[in-house]
Protein backbone atom coordinates (compact mmCIF):
# COMPACT_ATOMS: atom_id res chain seq x y z
CA MET A 1 35.94 30.40 -0.31
CA THR A 2 32.47 31.92 0.04
CA ILE A 3 29.97 30.70 2.62
CA GLU A 4 27.79 29.42 -0.22
CA ALA A 5 30.68 27.38 -1.62
CA GLU A 6 31.47 25.99 1.84
CA LEU A 7 27.84 25.00 2.37
CA ALA A 8 27.69 23.32 -1.04
CA GLU A 9 30.86 21.38 -0.20
CA GLU A 10 29.42 20.23 3.13
CA ILE A 11 26.15 19.17 1.48
CA ARG A 12 28.04 17.12 -1.11
CA LYS A 13 30.27 15.53 1.53
CA TRP A 14 27.46 14.55 3.90
CA SER A 15 25.16 13.50 1.07
CA GLY A 16 27.77 11.01 -0.06
CA LYS A 17 28.19 9.66 3.46
CA LEU A 18 24.42 9.38 3.89
CA ASP A 19 24.07 7.56 0.58
CA LYS A 20 26.73 5.04 1.67
CA ALA A 21 25.01 4.52 5.03
CA LEU A 22 21.61 4.11 3.36
CA SER A 23 22.95 1.52 0.94
CA ASN A 24 23.79 -0.59 4.01
CA THR A 25 20.66 0.11 6.05
CA VAL A 26 17.82 -2.37 6.53
CA PRO A 27 14.54 -1.93 8.38
CA LEU A 28 13.97 -4.29 11.29
CA ASP A 29 10.21 -3.75 11.56
CA LYS A 30 7.31 -1.70 10.16
CA HIS A 31 8.52 1.43 11.98
CA GLY A 32 11.90 0.94 10.32
CA GLU A 33 10.28 0.68 6.91
CA ASP A 34 8.39 3.93 7.53
CA LEU A 35 11.52 5.67 8.80
CA LEU A 36 13.56 4.51 5.83
CA GLU A 37 10.88 5.77 3.44
CA ASN A 38 11.00 9.18 5.14
CA ILE A 39 14.80 9.24 5.15
CA HIS A 40 14.85 8.61 1.41
CA ALA A 41 12.21 11.32 0.91
CA TYR A 42 14.31 13.87 2.83
CA ARG A 43 17.38 12.83 0.84
CA GLU A 44 15.51 13.41 -2.41
CA ASP A 45 14.25 16.77 -1.11
CA SER A 46 17.84 17.72 -0.35
CA LYS A 47 18.78 16.97 -3.97
CA HIS A 48 15.78 18.93 -5.23
CA PHE A 49 16.65 22.06 -3.25
CA PHE A 50 20.41 21.95 -3.82
CA GLU A 51 20.53 24.35 -6.78
CA ARG A 52 17.77 26.68 -5.59
CA ASP A 53 18.08 26.86 -1.81
CA GLN A 54 21.13 25.34 -0.17
CA ILE A 55 19.88 26.07 3.34
CA LYS A 56 16.74 24.01 2.71
CA SER A 57 18.91 21.35 1.07
CA PHE A 58 21.13 21.14 4.14
CA GLU A 59 18.12 21.18 6.43
CA CYS A 60 16.63 18.18 4.62
CA LEU A 61 19.94 16.38 4.87
CA ILE A 62 20.06 17.00 8.63
CA TRP A 63 16.54 15.60 9.03
CA ALA A 64 17.51 12.50 7.04
CA TRP A 65 20.56 11.92 9.26
CA ALA A 66 18.50 12.54 12.40
CA LEU A 67 15.89 9.98 11.38
CA LEU A 68 18.62 7.46 10.57
CA GLU A 69 20.24 7.96 13.98
CA VAL A 70 16.94 7.81 15.86
CA GLY A 71 15.80 4.73 13.95
CA ARG A 72 19.05 2.97 14.73
CA GLU A 73 19.04 4.06 18.38
CA LEU A 74 15.49 2.80 18.87
CA GLY A 75 16.21 -0.52 17.14
CA HIS A 76 14.05 0.01 14.07
CA LEU A 77 16.95 0.27 11.59
CA LYS A 78 20.20 -1.61 11.27
CA VAL A 79 23.20 -0.16 9.48
CA LYS A 80 25.33 -3.05 8.30
CA HIS A 81 29.01 -2.39 8.87
CA ASN A 82 31.74 -3.49 6.55
CA ARG A 83 35.09 -2.29 5.34
CA GLN A 84 33.51 -0.56 2.35
CA ASN A 85 31.30 1.52 4.65
CA PRO A 86 33.62 3.15 7.20
CA SER A 87 31.74 6.46 7.10
CA TYR A 88 29.09 5.27 9.54
CA ARG A 89 30.60 4.30 12.87
CA ARG A 90 29.11 1.66 15.13
CA GLN A 91 28.96 4.01 18.10
CA SER A 92 26.23 6.54 17.81
CA ARG A 93 27.27 10.14 17.44
CA ILE A 94 24.51 10.98 19.90
CA ARG A 95 26.03 8.77 22.58
CA SER A 96 29.52 10.08 21.93
CA TRP A 97 28.29 13.67 22.29
CA LEU A 98 26.57 12.90 25.59
CA ASN A 99 29.62 11.26 27.18
């Protein structure tokens, strides 16, 4: 598999996981609303760049995930957890990396 094909596969995989997490995310305040708007904008940018520039597409996806994590960590966003959304764990990836 080429590096381009691997990158495209990763973008598709993480885009799907992000979409599932976003469908279960609610803002808890005005900062959360702003963050969620930016997350959706980065997700759309990722879609836009996918065919033309996969590095930019992946970069946008990373920014969207980062904003989601930061918003949740700071208490501005809540990701509702249920059995249909196992892709987003309760424990932050940031915390697990630091331990």
